[in-house]
PDB file of all heavy atoms in Angstrom:
ATOM      1  N   ASP A   1      -2.274  22.645 -10.206  1.00  0.00           N
ATOM      2  CA  ASP A   1      -1.211  21.872 -10.917  1.00  0.00           C
ATOM      3  C   ASP A   1      -0.520  20.833  -9.956  1.00  0.00           C
ATOM      4  O   ASP A   1      -0.308  19.749 -10.370  1.00  0.00           O
ATOM      5  CB  ASP A   1      -0.221  22.823 -11.491  1.00  0.00           C
ATOM      6  CG  ASP A   1      -0.741  23.672 -12.671  1.00  0.00           C
ATOM      7  OD1 ASP A   1      -1.795  23.248 -13.236  1.00  0.00           O
ATOM      8  OD2 ASP A   1      -0.091  24.638 -13.015  1.00  0.00           O
ATOM      9  N   LEU A   2      -0.251  21.254  -8.775  1.00  0.00           N
ATOM     10  CA  LEU A   2       0.369  20.376  -7.785  1.00  0.00           C
ATOM     11  C   LEU A   2      -0.529  19.201  -7.473  1.00  0.00           C
ATOM     12  O   LEU A   2      -0.120  18.055  -7.401  1.00  0.00           O
ATOM     13  CB  LEU A   2       0.693  21.154  -6.491  1.00  0.00           C
ATOM     14  CG  LEU A   2       1.350  20.346  -5.386  1.00  0.00           C
ATOM     15  CD1 LEU A   2       2.690  19.761  -5.921  1.00  0.00           C
ATOM     16  CD2 LEU A   2       1.546  21.183  -4.177  1.00  0.00           C
ATOM     17  N   ALA A   3      -1.861  19.494  -7.285  1.00  0.00           N
ATOM     18  CA  ALA A   3      -2.794  18.386  -6.940  1.00  0.00           C
ATOM     19  C   ALA A   3      -2.845  17.421  -8.188  1.00  0.00           C
ATOM     20  O   ALA A   3      -2.949  16.272  -8.034  1.00  0.00           O
ATOM     21  CB  ALA A   3      -4.150  18.991  -6.613  1.00  0.00           C
ATOM     22  N   ASP A   4      -2.911  17.973  -9.359  1.00  0.00           N
ATOM     23  CA  ASP A   4      -2.913  17.160 -10.584  1.00  0.00           C
ATOM     24  C   ASP A   4      -1.750  16.317 -10.769  1.00  0.00           C
ATOM     25  O   ASP A   4      -1.818  15.131 -11.042  1.00  0.00           O
ATOM     26  CB  ASP A   4      -3.122  18.148 -11.833  1.00  0.00           C
ATOM     27  CG  ASP A   4      -3.447  17.343 -13.054  1.00  0.00           C
ATOM     28  OD1 ASP A   4      -4.421  16.570 -13.059  1.00  0.00           O
ATOM     29  OD2 ASP A   4      -2.721  17.467 -14.082  1.00  0.00           O
ATOM     30  N   GLN A   5      -0.551  16.889 -10.423  1.00  0.00           N
ATOM     31  CA  GLN A   5       0.648  16.030 -10.447  1.00  0.00           C
ATOM     32  C   GLN A   5       0.606  14.921  -9.489  1.00  0.00           C
ATOM     33  O   GLN A   5       1.137  13.799  -9.754  1.00  0.00           O
ATOM     34  CB  GLN A   5       1.876  16.952 -10.275  1.00  0.00           C
ATOM     35  CG  GLN A   5       2.174  17.941 -11.410  1.00  0.00           C
ATOM     36  CD  GLN A   5       3.163  18.991 -11.003  1.00  0.00           C
ATOM     37  OE1 GLN A   5       3.964  18.781 -10.100  1.00  0.00           O
ATOM     38  NE2 GLN A   5       3.229  20.086 -11.681  1.00  0.00           N
ATOM     39  N   SER A   6       0.096  15.221  -8.322  1.00  0.00           N
ATOM     40  CA  SER A   6      -0.023  14.211  -7.268  1.00  0.00           C
ATOM     41  C   SER A   6      -0.908  13.051  -7.704  1.00  0.00           C
ATOM     42  O   SER A   6      -0.534  11.876  -7.488  1.00  0.00           O
ATOM     43  CB  SER A   6      -0.577  14.816  -5.917  1.00  0.00           C
ATOM     44  OG  SER A   6       0.280  15.840  -5.466  1.00  0.00           O
ATOM     45  N   LEU A   7      -2.004  13.387  -8.325  1.00  0.00           N
ATOM     46  CA  LEU A   7      -2.872  12.339  -8.883  1.00  0.00           C
ATOM     47  C   LEU A   7      -2.196  11.483  -9.877  1.00  0.00           C
ATOM     48  O   LEU A   7      -2.258  10.247  -9.845  1.00  0.00           O
ATOM     49  CB  LEU A   7      -4.085  13.016  -9.503  1.00  0.00           C
ATOM     50  CG  LEU A   7      -5.216  13.473  -8.575  1.00  0.00           C
ATOM     51  CD1 LEU A   7      -6.279  14.286  -9.281  1.00  0.00           C
ATOM     52  CD2 LEU A   7      -5.885  12.348  -7.882  1.00  0.00           C
ATOM     53  N   LYS A   8      -1.513  12.121 -10.818  1.00  0.00           N
ATOM     54  CA  LYS A   8      -0.779  11.366 -11.864  1.00  0.00           C
ATOM     55  C   LYS A   8       0.238  10.457 -11.308  1.00  0.00           C
ATOM     56  O   LYS A   8       0.417   9.307 -11.742  1.00  0.00           O
ATOM     57  CB  LYS A   8      -0.202  12.314 -12.925  1.00  0.00           C
ATOM     58  CG  LYS A   8      -1.215  13.042 -13.733  1.00  0.00           C
ATOM     59  CD  LYS A   8      -0.580  14.081 -14.700  1.00  0.00           C
ATOM     60  CE  LYS A   8      -1.659  14.749 -15.507  1.00  0.00           C
ATOM     61  NZ  LYS A   8      -1.150  15.876 -16.364  1.00  0.00           N
ATOM     62  N   LEU A   9       1.009  11.008 -10.369  1.00  0.00           N
ATOM     63  CA  LEU A   9       2.081  10.189  -9.737  1.00  0.00           C
ATOM     64  C   LEU A   9       1.494   9.003  -8.966  1.00  0.00           C
ATOM     65  O   LEU A   9       1.956   7.892  -9.076  1.00  0.00           O
ATOM     66  CB  LEU A   9       2.902  11.087  -8.741  1.00  0.00           C
ATOM     67  CG  LEU A   9       3.957  10.372  -7.943  1.00  0.00           C
ATOM     68  CD1 LEU A   9       5.051   9.780  -8.974  1.00  0.00           C
ATOM     69  CD2 LEU A   9       4.642  11.279  -6.975  1.00  0.00           C
ATOM     70  N   ALA A  10       0.386   9.265  -8.218  1.00  0.00           N
ATOM     71  CA  ALA A  10      -0.276   8.169  -7.517  1.00  0.00           C
ATOM     72  C   ALA A  10      -0.713   7.059  -8.437  1.00  0.00           C
ATOM     73  O   ALA A  10      -0.490   5.923  -8.219  1.00  0.00           O
ATOM     74  CB  ALA A  10      -1.434   8.718  -6.716  1.00  0.00           C
ATOM     75  N   PHE A  11      -1.349   7.443  -9.567  1.00  0.00           N
ATOM     76  CA  PHE A  11      -1.870   6.471 -10.528  1.00  0.00           C
ATOM     77  C   PHE A  11      -0.714   5.704 -11.144  1.00  0.00           C
ATOM     78  O   PHE A  11      -0.770   4.524 -11.343  1.00  0.00           O
ATOM     79  CB  PHE A  11      -2.721   7.182 -11.608  1.00  0.00           C
ATOM     80  CG  PHE A  11      -3.441   6.212 -12.516  1.00  0.00           C
ATOM     81  CD1 PHE A  11      -4.554   5.519 -12.102  1.00  0.00           C
ATOM     82  CD2 PHE A  11      -2.948   5.975 -13.773  1.00  0.00           C
ATOM     83  CE1 PHE A  11      -5.196   4.644 -12.940  1.00  0.00           C
ATOM     84  CE2 PHE A  11      -3.503   5.137 -14.679  1.00  0.00           C
ATOM     85  CZ  PHE A  11      -4.665   4.468 -14.287  1.00  0.00           C
ATOM     86  N   SER A  12       0.359   6.411 -11.510  1.00  0.00           N
ATOM     87  CA  SER A  12       1.544   5.771 -12.152  1.00  0.00           C
ATOM     88  C   SER A  12       2.207   4.748 -11.157  1.00  0.00           C
ATOM     89  O   SER A  12       2.899   3.817 -11.620  1.00  0.00           O
ATOM     90  CB  SER A  12       2.547   6.846 -12.617  1.00  0.00           C
ATOM     91  OG  SER A  12       3.237   7.372 -11.506  1.00  0.00           O
ATOM     92  N   LYS A  13       2.059   4.951  -9.888  1.00  0.00           N
ATOM     93  CA  LYS A  13       2.661   4.049  -8.906  1.00  0.00           C
ATOM     94  C   LYS A  13       1.674   2.992  -8.507  1.00  0.00           C
ATOM     95  O   LYS A  13       1.972   2.148  -7.631  1.00  0.00           O
ATOM     96  CB  LYS A  13       3.070   4.849  -7.635  1.00  0.00           C
ATOM     97  CG  LYS A  13       4.112   5.833  -7.916  1.00  0.00           C
ATOM     98  CD  LYS A  13       5.463   5.203  -8.445  1.00  0.00           C
ATOM     99  CE  LYS A  13       6.532   6.226  -8.609  1.00  0.00           C
ATOM    100  NZ  LYS A  13       7.744   5.653  -9.212  1.00  0.00           N
ATOM    101  N   GLY A  14       0.518   2.871  -9.145  1.00  0.00           N
ATOM    102  CA  GLY A  14      -0.405   1.746  -8.874  1.00  0.00           C
ATOM    103  C   GLY A  14      -1.518   2.048  -7.984  1.00  0.00           C
ATOM    104  O   GLY A  14      -2.349   1.168  -7.730  1.00  0.00           O
ATOM    105  N   ILE A  15      -1.635   3.272  -7.464  1.00  0.00           N
ATOM    106  CA  ILE A  15      -2.771   3.596  -6.628  1.00  0.00           C
ATOM    107  C   ILE A  15      -4.004   3.661  -7.521  1.00  0.00           C
ATOM    108  O   ILE A  15      -4.017   4.405  -8.486  1.00  0.00           O
ATOM    109  CB  ILE A  15      -2.584   4.934  -5.889  1.00  0.00           C
ATOM    110  CG1 ILE A  15      -1.486   4.775  -4.812  1.00  0.00           C
ATOM    111  CG2 ILE A  15      -3.877   5.405  -5.249  1.00  0.00           C
ATOM    112  CD1 ILE A  15      -1.087   5.989  -4.081  1.00  0.00           C
ATOM    113  N   ASN A  16      -5.038   2.851  -7.155  1.00  0.00           N
ATOM    114  CA  ASN A  16      -6.267   2.901  -8.012  1.00  0.00           C
ATOM    115  C   ASN A  16      -7.449   3.441  -7.194  1.00  0.00           C
ATOM    116  O   ASN A  16      -8.565   3.578  -7.701  1.00  0.00           O
ATOM    117  CB  ASN A  16      -6.600   1.531  -8.492  1.00  0.00           C
ATOM    118  CG  ASN A  16      -7.064   0.534  -7.402  1.00  0.00           C
ATOM    119  OD1 ASN A  16      -6.982   0.762  -6.233  1.00  0.00           O
ATOM    120  ND2 ASN A  16      -7.682  -0.531  -7.924  1.00  0.00           N
ATOM    121  N   PHE A  17      -7.315   3.689  -5.879  1.00  0.00           N
ATOM    122  CA  PHE A  17      -8.381   4.061  -4.995  1.00  0.00           C
ATOM    123  C   PHE A  17      -8.281   5.623  -4.650  1.00  0.00           C
ATOM    124  O   PHE A  17      -7.344   6.093  -4.058  1.00  0.00           O
ATOM    125  CB  PHE A  17      -8.253   3.256  -3.717  1.00  0.00           C
ATOM    126  CG  PHE A  17      -9.414   3.426  -2.749  1.00  0.00           C
ATOM    127  CD1 PHE A  17     -10.594   4.069  -3.075  1.00  0.00           C
ATOM    128  CD2 PHE A  17      -9.262   2.839  -1.484  1.00  0.00           C
ATOM    129  CE1 PHE A  17     -11.652   4.163  -2.231  1.00  0.00           C
ATOM    130  CE2 PHE A  17     -10.359   2.972  -0.580  1.00  0.00           C
ATOM    131  CZ  PHE A  17     -11.521   3.645  -0.943  1.00  0.00           C
ATOM    132  N   PHE A  18      -9.261   6.273  -5.161  1.00  0.00           N
ATOM    133  CA  PHE A  18      -9.325   7.758  -5.051  1.00  0.00           C
ATOM    134  C   PHE A  18     -10.589   8.138  -4.200  1.00  0.00           C
ATOM    135  O   PHE A  18     -11.706   7.784  -4.583  1.00  0.00           O
ATOM    136  CB  PHE A  18      -9.302   8.479  -6.372  1.00  0.00           C
ATOM    137  CG  PHE A  18      -8.061   8.232  -7.127  1.00  0.00           C
ATOM    138  CD1 PHE A  18      -7.939   7.089  -7.931  1.00  0.00           C
ATOM    139  CD2 PHE A  18      -6.908   9.043  -7.004  1.00  0.00           C
ATOM    140  CE1 PHE A  18      -6.691   6.845  -8.649  1.00  0.00           C
ATOM    141  CE2 PHE A  18      -5.764   8.812  -7.675  1.00  0.00           C
ATOM    142  CZ  PHE A  18      -5.630   7.761  -8.495  1.00  0.00           C
ATOM    143  N   ASP A  19     -10.410   8.896  -3.120  1.00  0.00           N
ATOM    144  CA  ASP A  19     -11.479   9.129  -2.221  1.00  0.00           C
ATOM    145  C   ASP A  19     -11.719  10.661  -2.118  1.00  0.00           C
ATOM    146  O   ASP A  19     -10.886  11.452  -2.139  1.00  0.00           O
ATOM    147  CB  ASP A  19     -11.106   8.609  -0.816  1.00  0.00           C
ATOM    148  CG  ASP A  19     -12.182   8.918   0.255  1.00  0.00           C
ATOM    149  OD1 ASP A  19     -13.285   8.437   0.042  1.00  0.00           O
ATOM    150  OD2 ASP A  19     -11.903   9.620   1.151  1.00  0.00           O
ATOM    151  N   CYS A  20     -12.999  10.981  -1.917  1.00  0.00           N
ATOM    152  CA  CYS A  20     -13.380  12.426  -1.806  1.00  0.00           C
ATOM    153  C   CYS A  20     -14.662  12.453  -0.913  1.00  0.00           C
ATOM    154  O   CYS A  20     -15.052  11.491  -0.346  1.00  0.00           O
ATOM    155  CB  CYS A  20     -13.699  13.032  -3.144  1.00  0.00           C
ATOM    156  SG  CYS A  20     -13.510  14.797  -3.254  1.00  0.00           S
ATOM    157  N   ALA A  21     -15.242  13.655  -0.784  1.00  0.00           N
ATOM    158  CA  ALA A  21     -16.542  13.791  -0.116  1.00  0.00           C
ATOM    159  C   ALA A  21     -17.228  15.039  -0.664  1.00  0.00           C
ATOM    160  O   ALA A  21     -16.589  15.981  -1.136  1.00  0.00           O
ATOM    161  CB  ALA A  21     -16.277  14.025   1.420  1.00  0.00           C
ATOM    162  N   ASP A  22     -18.544  14.982  -0.639  1.00  0.00           N
ATOM    163  CA  ASP A  22     -19.327  16.098  -1.153  1.00  0.00           C
ATOM    164  C   ASP A  22     -19.040  17.429  -0.559  1.00  0.00           C
ATOM    165  O   ASP A  22     -19.184  18.473  -1.173  1.00  0.00           O
ATOM    166  CB  ASP A  22     -20.829  15.766  -1.158  1.00  0.00           C
ATOM    167  CG  ASP A  22     -21.371  15.426   0.237  1.00  0.00           C
ATOM    168  OD1 ASP A  22     -20.602  15.527   1.236  1.00  0.00           O
ATOM    169  OD2 ASP A  22     -22.554  15.089   0.274  1.00  0.00           O
ATOM    170  N   ALA A  23     -18.678  17.453   0.768  1.00  0.00           N
ATOM    171  CA  ALA A  23     -18.469  18.650   1.514  1.00  0.00           C
ATOM    172  C   ALA A  23     -17.086  19.271   1.406  1.00  0.00           C
ATOM    173  O   ALA A  23     -16.814  20.384   1.829  1.00  0.00           O
ATOM    174  CB  ALA A  23     -18.926  18.490   2.921  1.00  0.00           C
ATOM    175  N   TYR A  24     -16.124  18.474   0.892  1.00  0.00           N
ATOM    176  CA  TYR A  24     -14.762  18.933   0.844  1.00  0.00           C
ATOM    177  C   TYR A  24     -14.683  20.220  -0.047  1.00  0.00           C
ATOM    178  O   TYR A  24     -14.968  20.132  -1.243  1.00  0.00           O
ATOM    179  CB  TYR A  24     -13.756  17.856   0.399  1.00  0.00           C
ATOM    180  CG  TYR A  24     -13.582  16.674   1.249  1.00  0.00           C
ATOM    181  CD1 TYR A  24     -12.902  15.539   0.816  1.00  0.00           C
ATOM    182  CD2 TYR A  24     -13.998  16.735   2.570  1.00  0.00           C
ATOM    183  CE1 TYR A  24     -12.752  14.477   1.689  1.00  0.00           C
ATOM    184  CE2 TYR A  24     -13.825  15.605   3.423  1.00  0.00           C
ATOM    185  CZ  TYR A  24     -13.194  14.540   2.962  1.00  0.00           C
ATOM    186  OH  TYR A  24     -12.994  13.379   3.675  1.00  0.00           O
ATOM    187  N   SER A  25     -14.127  21.294   0.571  1.00  0.00           N
ATOM    188  CA  SER A  25     -13.983  22.525  -0.190  1.00  0.00           C
ATOM    189  C   SER A  25     -15.332  23.005  -0.899  1.00  0.00           C
ATOM    190  O   SER A  25     -15.242  23.471  -1.986  1.00  0.00           O
ATOM    191  CB  SER A  25     -12.891  22.437  -1.226  1.00  0.00           C
ATOM    192  OG  SER A  25     -11.591  22.069  -0.607  1.00  0.00           O
ATOM    193  N   GLY A  26     -16.400  22.675  -0.250  1.00  0.00           N
ATOM    194  CA  GLY A  26     -17.683  23.132  -0.731  1.00  0.00           C
ATOM    195  C   GLY A  26     -18.050  22.485  -2.152  1.00  0.00           C
ATOM    196  O   GLY A  26     -18.766  23.058  -2.883  1.00  0.00           O
ATOM    197  N   GLY A  27     -17.540  21.295  -2.362  1.00  0.00           N
ATOM    198  CA  GLY A  27     -17.752  20.644  -3.624  1.00  0.00           C
ATOM    199  C   GLY A  27     -16.642  20.786  -4.608  1.00  0.00           C
ATOM    200  O   GLY A  27     -16.540  20.055  -5.671  1.00  0.00           O
ATOM    201  N   ALA A  28     -15.760  21.732  -4.399  1.00  0.00           N
ATOM    202  CA  ALA A  28     -14.661  22.024  -5.310  1.00  0.00           C
ATOM    203  C   ALA A  28     -13.692  20.852  -5.443  1.00  0.00           C
ATOM    204  O   ALA A  28     -13.188  20.556  -6.527  1.00  0.00           O
ATOM    205  CB  ALA A  28     -13.935  23.311  -4.913  1.00  0.00           C
ATOM    206  N   ALA A  29     -13.466  20.109  -4.406  1.00  0.00           N
ATOM    207  CA  ALA A  29     -12.557  19.009  -4.391  1.00  0.00           C
ATOM    208  C   ALA A  29     -13.142  17.877  -5.296  1.00  0.00           C
ATOM    209  O   ALA A  29     -12.367  17.272  -6.094  1.00  0.00           O
ATOM    210  CB  ALA A  29     -12.335  18.434  -3.000  1.00  0.00           C
ATOM    211  N   GLU A  30     -14.416  17.584  -5.221  1.00  0.00           N
ATOM    212  CA  GLU A  30     -15.061  16.628  -6.117  1.00  0.00           C
ATOM    213  C   GLU A  30     -14.931  17.122  -7.593  1.00  0.00           C
ATOM    214  O   GLU A  30     -14.646  16.282  -8.480  1.00  0.00           O
ATOM    215  CB  GLU A  30     -16.564  16.393  -5.763  1.00  0.00           C
ATOM    216  CG  GLU A  30     -16.782  15.438  -4.671  1.00  0.00           C
ATOM    217  CD  GLU A  30     -18.226  15.105  -4.508  1.00  0.00           C
ATOM    218  OE1 GLU A  30     -19.145  15.867  -4.961  1.00  0.00           O
ATOM    219  OE2 GLU A  30     -18.545  14.062  -3.861  1.00  0.00           O
ATOM    220  N   ARG A  31     -15.270  18.370  -7.866  1.00  0.00           N
ATOM    221  CA  ARG A  31     -15.173  18.855  -9.199  1.00  0.00           C
ATOM    222  C   ARG A  31     -13.754  18.747  -9.759  1.00  0.00           C
ATOM    223  O   ARG A  31     -13.599  18.353 -10.929  1.00  0.00           O
ATOM    224  CB  ARG A  31     -15.708  20.284  -9.287  1.00  0.00           C
ATOM    225  CG  ARG A  31     -17.255  20.383  -9.089  1.00  0.00           C
ATOM    226  CD  ARG A  31     -17.753  21.783  -9.261  1.00  0.00           C
ATOM    227  NE  ARG A  31     -17.285  22.777  -8.327  1.00  0.00           N
ATOM    228  CZ  ARG A  31     -17.824  23.005  -7.155  1.00  0.00           C
ATOM    229  NH1 ARG A  31     -18.919  22.354  -6.761  1.00  0.00           N
ATOM    230  NH2 ARG A  31     -17.335  23.992  -6.382  1.00  0.00           N
ATOM    231  N   PHE A  32     -12.810  19.134  -8.968  1.00  0.00           N
ATOM    232  CA  PHE A  32     -11.387  19.028  -9.390  1.00  0.00           C
ATOM    233  C   PHE A  32     -11.059  17.484  -9.678  1.00  0.00           C
ATOM    234  O   PHE A  32     -10.450  17.176 -10.722  1.00  0.00           O
ATOM    235  CB  PHE A  32     -10.469  19.570  -8.346  1.00  0.00           C
ATOM    236  CG  PHE A  32      -9.009  19.238  -8.711  1.00  0.00           C
ATOM    237  CD1 PHE A  32      -8.365  20.018  -9.605  1.00  0.00           C
ATOM    238  CD2 PHE A  32      -8.298  18.208  -8.065  1.00  0.00           C
ATOM    239  CE1 PHE A  32      -7.040  19.767  -9.933  1.00  0.00           C
ATOM    240  CE2 PHE A  32      -7.053  17.926  -8.394  1.00  0.00           C
ATOM    241  CZ  PHE A  32      -6.373  18.651  -9.328  1.00  0.00           C
ATOM    242  N   LEU A  33     -11.364  16.673  -8.758  1.00  0.00           N
ATOM    243  CA  LEU A  33     -11.070  15.218  -8.926  1.00  0.00           C
ATOM    244  C   LEU A  33     -11.734  14.632 -10.147  1.00  0.00           C
ATOM    245  O   LEU A  33     -11.074  13.856 -10.966  1.00  0.00           O
ATOM    246  CB  LEU A  33     -11.475  14.457  -7.667  1.00  0.00           C
ATOM    247  CG  LEU A  33     -11.030  12.983  -7.593  1.00  0.00           C
ATOM    248  CD1 LEU A  33      -9.545  12.845  -7.618  1.00  0.00           C
ATOM    249  CD2 LEU A  33     -11.612  12.330  -6.336  1.00  0.00           C
ATOM    250  N   GLY A  34     -12.958  15.032 -10.349  1.00  0.00           N
ATOM    251  CA  GLY A  34     -13.661  14.504 -11.551  1.00  0.00           C
ATOM    252  C   GLY A  34     -12.994  14.904 -12.825  1.00  0.00           C
ATOM    253  O   GLY A  34     -12.884  14.095 -13.772  1.00  0.00           O
ATOM    254  N   LYS A  35     -12.566  16.162 -12.885  1.00  0.00           N
ATOM    255  CA  LYS A  35     -11.873  16.645 -14.085  1.00  0.00           C
ATOM    256  C   LYS A  35     -10.528  15.930 -14.268  1.00  0.00           C
ATOM    257  O   LYS A  35     -10.171  15.573 -15.380  1.00  0.00           O
ATOM    258  CB  LYS A  35     -11.722  18.174 -13.991  1.00  0.00           C
ATOM    259  CG  LYS A  35     -11.083  18.806 -15.194  1.00  0.00           C
ATOM    260  CD  LYS A  35     -11.023  20.274 -15.022  1.00  0.00           C
ATOM    261  CE  LYS A  35     -10.248  20.917 -16.168  1.00  0.00           C
ATOM    262  NZ  LYS A  35     -10.083  22.444 -15.969  1.00  0.00           N
ATOM    263  N   ALA A  36      -9.760  15.856 -13.204  1.00  0.00           N
ATOM    264  CA  ALA A  36      -8.413  15.366 -13.232  1.00  0.00           C
ATOM    265  C   ALA A  36      -8.440  13.860 -13.572  1.00  0.00           C
ATOM    266  O   ALA A  36      -7.526  13.399 -14.326  1.00  0.00           O
ATOM    267  CB  ALA A  36      -7.705  15.551 -11.950  1.00  0.00           C
ATOM    268  N   LEU A  37      -9.417  13.114 -13.128  1.00  0.00           N
ATOM    269  CA  LEU A  37      -9.478  11.605 -13.351  1.00  0.00           C
ATOM    270  C   LEU A  37      -9.879  11.290 -14.676  1.00  0.00           C
ATOM    271  O   LEU A  37      -9.800  10.044 -15.112  1.00  0.00           O
ATOM    272  CB  LEU A  37     -10.294  10.897 -12.249  1.00  0.00           C
ATOM    273  CG  LEU A  37      -9.731  10.897 -10.842  1.00  0.00           C
ATOM    274  CD1 LEU A  37     -10.687  10.224  -9.865  1.00  0.00           C
ATOM    275  CD2 LEU A  37      -8.352  10.185 -10.817  1.00  0.00           C
TER     276      LEU A  37
END
């Protein structure tokens, strides 16, 4: 929930660049980012 709120706040403030990597958290970070975006 905290990570999701951070994404929403970033987007609302004009951030359009979201970065990840295949190895972050064993792929969980990419899966989360994909769902949240």
